[in-house]
Protein backbone atom coordinates (compact mmCIF):
# COMPACT_ATOMS: atom_id res chain seq x y z
CA UNK A 1 -14.31 -10.60 5.48
CA UNK A 2 -11.15 -8.87 6.48
CA UNK A 3 -10.20 -5.96 4.17
CA UNK A 4 -7.22 -4.62 5.95
CA UNK A 5 -4.01 -5.96 7.35
CA UNK A 6 -1.24 -3.86 9.18
CA UNK A 7 2.25 -4.95 8.04
CA UNK A 8 3.55 -4.49 11.56
CA UNK A 9 1.24 -7.14 12.92
CA UNK A 10 2.74 -9.97 10.58
CA UNK A 11 6.15 -11.60 11.44
CA UNK A 12 8.70 -12.06 8.56
CA UNK A 13 9.51 -15.60 7.54
CA UNK A 14 13.10 -16.15 6.48
CA UNK A 15 13.58 -17.67 2.94
CA UNK A 16 15.76 -20.79 3.05
CA UNK A 17 18.94 -20.33 1.26
CA UNK A 18 18.09 -16.77 0.50
CA UNK A 19 19.04 -13.25 1.57
CA UNK A 20 15.38 -12.42 1.85
CA UNK A 21 12.61 -12.70 4.51
CA UNK A 22 8.99 -12.59 3.43
CA UNK A 23 6.05 -10.83 5.07
CA UNK A 24 3.00 -12.63 3.78
CA UNK A 25 -0.10 -10.20 3.63
CA UNK A 26 -3.17 -10.88 1.45
CA UNK A 27 -3.65 -14.26 -0.45
CA UNK A 28 -5.91 -16.99 -0.85
CA UNK A 29 -6.01 -17.76 2.86
CA UNK A 30 -7.24 -14.01 3.45
CA UNK A 31 -9.93 -14.14 0.70
CA UNK A 32 -7.67 -12.67 -2.03
CA UNK A 33 -7.80 -15.36 -4.83
CA UNK A 34 -6.32 -13.11 -7.78
CA UNK A 35 -3.20 -12.03 -5.90
CA UNK A 36 -0.46 -12.85 -3.25
CA UNK A 37 0.71 -9.55 -1.67
CA UNK A 38 3.92 -9.79 0.27
CA UNK A 39 6.84 -7.61 1.30
CA UNK A 40 10.30 -8.98 0.41
CA UNK A 41 13.14 -7.82 2.72
CA UNK A 42 16.47 -8.23 1.30
CA UNK A 43 19.92 -8.13 3.21
CA UNK A 44 22.81 -6.21 1.49
CA UNK A 45 24.51 -8.12 -1.32
CA UNK A 46 23.58 -10.51 -4.17
CA UNK A 47 20.46 -12.80 -3.83
CA UNK A 48 19.98 -16.04 -5.54
CA UNK A 49 17.67 -16.33 -8.43
CA UNK A 50 14.09 -16.55 -7.67
CA UNK A 51 11.11 -17.10 -9.85
CA UNK A 52 7.49 -18.21 -9.94
CA UNK A 53 6.33 -20.75 -12.47
CA UNK A 54 2.60 -19.96 -12.17
CA UNK A 55 2.37 -16.16 -11.49
CA UNK A 56 3.72 -12.98 -12.87
CA UNK A 57 5.39 -10.91 -10.31
CA UNK A 58 4.94 -7.03 -9.98
CA UNK A 59 7.26 -5.27 -7.64
CA UNK A 60 7.64 -1.78 -6.09
CA UNK A 61 10.71 -0.65 -4.31
CA UNK A 62 9.85 0.71 -0.83
CA UNK A 63 13.17 1.19 0.52
CA UNK A 64 16.94 0.83 -0.56
CA UNK A 65 18.55 0.50 -3.91
CA UNK A 66 20.51 -2.07 -5.97
CA UNK A 67 20.70 -3.69 -9.29
CA UNK A 68 17.94 -6.04 -10.52
CA UNK A 69 18.84 -8.88 -12.85
CA UNK A 70 15.94 -10.26 -14.92
CA UNK A 71 17.01 -12.90 -17.34
CA UNK A 72 20.06 -11.45 -19.11
CA UNK A 73 19.19 -7.73 -18.44
CA UNK A 74 20.25 -5.61 -15.48
CA UNK A 75 18.71 -2.35 -14.28
CA UNK A 76 19.43 -0.02 -11.37
CA UNK A 77 16.54 0.28 -8.95
CA UNK A 78 15.61 2.47 -6.00
CA UNK A 79 12.80 3.68 -3.79
CA UNK A 80 9.91 4.39 -6.33
CA UNK A 81 10.87 1.87 -9.07
CA UNK A 82 8.37 -0.59 -10.33
CA UNK A 83 9.38 -3.95 -11.78
CA UNK A 84 7.46 -6.57 -13.86
CA UNK A 85 8.79 -10.11 -14.17
CA UNK A 86 6.71 -12.53 -16.20
CA UNK A 87 6.02 -16.08 -14.89
CA UNK A 88 8.88 -18.39 -15.06
CA UNK A 89 11.43 -15.83 -15.57
CA UNK A 90 14.40 -15.83 -13.03
CA UNK A 91 15.29 -12.62 -11.22
CA UNK A 92 17.65 -11.57 -8.58
CA UNK A 93 18.91 -8.31 -6.78
CA UNK A 94 22.29 -7.23 -5.81
CA UNK A 95 21.30 -4.95 -2.98
CA UNK A 96 23.58 -1.90 -2.11
CA UNK A 97 21.84 -1.70 1.28
CA UNK A 98 18.84 -3.24 2.90
CA UNK A 99 16.14 -3.33 0.31
CA UNK A 100 12.35 -3.67 0.87
CA UNK A 101 9.98 -4.54 -1.95
CA UNK A 102 6.23 -4.77 -2.28
CA UNK A 103 5.57 -7.96 -4.27
CA UNK A 104 2.24 -8.90 -5.82
CA UNK A 105 2.12 -12.24 -7.51
CA UNK A 106 -0.66 -12.24 -10.13
CA UNK A 107 -2.11 -15.64 -10.52
CA UNK A 108 -3.13 -17.07 -13.91
CA UNK A 109 -1.86 -14.12 -15.75
CA UNK A 110 -2.56 -13.27 -19.37
CA UNK A 111 -0.03 -14.69 -21.76
CA UNK A 112 3.11 -12.69 -22.64
CA UNK A 113 6.42 -13.59 -24.53
CA UNK A 114 8.71 -15.82 -22.61
CA UNK A 115 11.12 -13.72 -20.35
CA UNK A 116 8.84 -10.48 -20.66
CA UNK A 117 9.73 -7.99 -18.15
CA UNK A 118 9.83 -4.18 -17.47
CA UNK A 119 11.13 -1.48 -15.22
CA UNK A 120 9.44 1.85 -14.63
CA UNK A 121 10.47 4.86 -12.46
CA UNK A 122 7.14 6.00 -11.20
CA UNK A 123 8.66 9.25 -9.91
CA UNK A 124 9.35 10.25 -13.60
CA UNK A 125 5.80 9.65 -14.63
CA UNK A 126 3.32 12.53 -15.24
CA UNK A 127 0.34 12.47 -12.89
CA UNK A 128 -3.21 11.93 -14.13
CA UNK A 129 -6.37 13.32 -12.51
CA UNK A 130 -8.94 11.32 -10.42
CA UNK A 131 -12.07 12.05 -8.19
CA UNK A 132 -12.18 14.55 -5.40
CA UNK A 133 -8.97 16.30 -6.25
CA UNK A 134 -7.12 13.10 -6.27
CA UNK A 135 -4.21 12.34 -8.63
CA UNK A 136 -2.21 9.16 -9.74
CA UNK A 137 0.77 8.10 -11.52
CA UNK A 138 0.95 4.83 -13.51
CA UNK A 139 3.77 2.20 -13.24
CA UNK A 140 3.62 -1.32 -14.42
CA UNK A 141 0.54 -1.54 -16.66
CA UNK A 142 -0.60 -3.14 -20.04
CA UNK A 143 1.19 -0.26 -22.02
CA UNK A 144 4.48 -1.40 -20.42
CA UNK A 145 4.06 -4.95 -21.38
CA UNK A 146 2.00 -6.44 -18.56
CA UNK A 147 -1.53 -7.13 -19.76
CA UNK A 148 -2.98 -8.43 -16.61
CA UNK A 149 -2.75 -5.57 -14.19
CA UNK A 150 -2.29 -1.92 -13.54
CA UNK A 151 0.13 -0.68 -10.95
CA UNK A 152 -0.29 3.03 -9.69
CA UNK A 153 0.57 5.47 -6.93
CA UNK A 154 -2.48 7.39 -5.75
CA UNK A 155 -2.20 10.89 -4.08
CA UNK A 156 -4.97 11.67 -1.82
CA UNK A 157 -5.64 15.16 -0.31
CA UNK A 158 -7.30 15.51 2.95
CA UNK A 159 -11.02 14.49 2.82
CA UNK A 160 -13.25 11.60 1.87
CA UNK A 161 -14.40 10.58 -1.65
CA UNK A 162 -17.96 9.51 -2.32
CA UNK A 163 -18.78 5.95 -1.57
CA UNK A 164 -18.14 4.04 -4.83
CA UNK A 165 -16.87 0.73 -6.47
CA UNK A 166 -14.81 -0.56 -9.04
CA UNK A 167 -15.04 -3.47 -11.61
CA UNK A 168 -11.58 -4.61 -10.81
CA UNK A 169 -10.00 -6.43 -7.83
CA UNK A 170 -7.39 -4.49 -6.00
CA UNK A 171 -4.70 -4.68 -3.51
CA UNK A 172 -3.26 -1.43 -1.73
CA UNK A 173 -0.36 -0.57 0.42
CA UNK A 174 -0.38 2.68 2.19
CA UNK A 175 3.04 4.60 1.68
CA UNK A 176 2.40 7.73 3.62
CA UNK A 177 -0.37 9.44 5.57
CA UNK A 178 -3.14 8.73 7.89
CA UNK A 179 -6.80 7.89 6.94
CA UNK A 180 -9.86 5.65 7.32
CA UNK A 181 -11.17 2.81 5.19
CA UNK A 182 -15.13 2.77 4.99
CA UNK A 183 -16.78 -0.29 4.00
CA UNK A 184 -20.51 -1.00 4.72
CA UNK A 185 -20.67 1.17 7.83
CA UNK A 186 -17.47 -0.21 9.29
CA UNK A 187 -14.24 1.64 9.65
CA UNK A 188 -10.68 0.53 9.80
CA UNK A 189 -7.54 2.91 10.35
CA UNK A 190 -4.96 3.55 7.64
CA UNK A 191 -1.38 4.40 8.15
CA UNK A 192 1.87 3.59 6.36
CA UNK A 193 2.27 -0.25 6.15
CA UNK A 194 -1.56 -0.79 6.09
CA UNK A 195 -2.46 -3.19 3.37
CA UNK A 196 -5.99 -3.32 1.92
CA UNK A 197 -7.86 -5.76 -0.29
CA UNK A 198 -10.91 -4.36 -2.28
CA UNK A 199 -12.63 -7.09 -4.18
CA UNK A 200 -14.49 -5.97 -7.34
CA UNK A 201 -17.86 -4.27 -6.92
CA UNK A 202 -17.27 -3.66 -3.12
CA UNK A 203 -18.72 -0.27 -2.25
CA UNK A 204 -15.98 1.62 -0.15
CA UNK A 205 -14.27 4.94 0.43
CA UNK A 206 -10.72 5.79 1.53
CA UNK A 207 -10.72 9.15 3.64
CA UNK A 208 -7.57 11.03 4.33
CA UNK A 209 -8.00 12.26 7.95
CA UNK A 210 -4.53 13.90 8.17
CA UNK A 211 -3.38 17.47 7.39
CA UNK A 212 -1.17 16.37 4.44
CA UNK A 213 -1.38 14.16 1.41
CA UNK A 214 -1.80 10.42 1.66
CA UNK A 215 0.04 8.30 -0.74
CA UNK A 216 -0.78 4.58 -1.57
CA UNK A 217 0.47 1.88 -3.96
CA UNK A 218 -2.32 0.17 -5.84
CA UNK A 219 -2.39 -2.92 -8.02
CA UNK A 220 -5.56 -3.93 -9.80
CA UNK A 221 -6.91 -6.50 -12.22
CA UNK A 222 -7.97 -6.42 -15.08
CA UNK A 223 -5.68 -3.55 -16.05
CA UNK A 224 -7.03 -0.23 -17.02
CA UNK A 225 -7.52 3.24 -15.59
CA UNK A 226 -7.31 4.07 -11.89
CA UNK A 227 -9.88 6.64 -12.98
CA UNK A 228 -12.70 4.32 -13.45
CA UNK A 229 -15.30 4.21 -10.65
CA UNK A 230 -19.17 3.87 -10.17
CA UNK A 231 -21.53 5.23 -7.44
CA UNK A 232 -23.46 2.62 -5.57
CA UNK A 233 -26.41 2.85 -7.91
CA UNK A 234 -24.03 1.89 -10.71
CA UNK A 235 -23.74 5.20 -12.53
CA UNK A 236 -20.14 6.41 -13.37
CA UNK A 237 -18.59 8.77 -10.88
CA UNK A 238 -18.64 12.27 -12.18
CA UNK A 239 -14.88 12.55 -11.77
CA UNK A 240 -13.97 8.76 -11.47
CA UNK A 241 -10.96 8.04 -9.40
CA UNK A 242 -9.08 5.01 -7.86
CA UNK A 243 -9.75 3.86 -4.43
């Protein structure tokens, strides 16, 4: 199974009648059944309404700024903002400049009130501690009204964490830094724009091979703490941490 995809290797597909193009990353065809991970690229100006009748959508603004309309509400967004839109809820963006969003469709989500949504500035959230000196900030999660998933930014210092696994299914997007994904003796390079799918119980490790901090955006299901991890023998990690 393929566990990593480089965004630059995937051609964007223009969306008919829209200001957006879509870069399709992990989905059913790539062995990722719980999620569809994509990058949405919006041209400046207002987009038409969009919605998904079957899936919640969790967004993270990678680049640009604008105003997102969700149902009857509006919110200013910029790089570092997380957005939750429940299934069937229309949303659009009036982009001040070119805007790129990491979109994760959450299939068969937990029930929420019709029209439920949330906006979180991850840069304003306090960091939590994780394994091997790693830290994280939480974005969209059960506490913000999205019971199906947890969205977080992980901050990884140089070095490699011990091999471990999670009891959740996770998709990752590398924001900054260089590194290596280790799975079952195989290695794959990590750099900005690399996407990773980690099925539950997969033993793995992310190594930061650079001189500075590596940052990644993760979404996992079921929601919980990024600080939950287990060593290959099933014992809880001493200082459990995401990815």
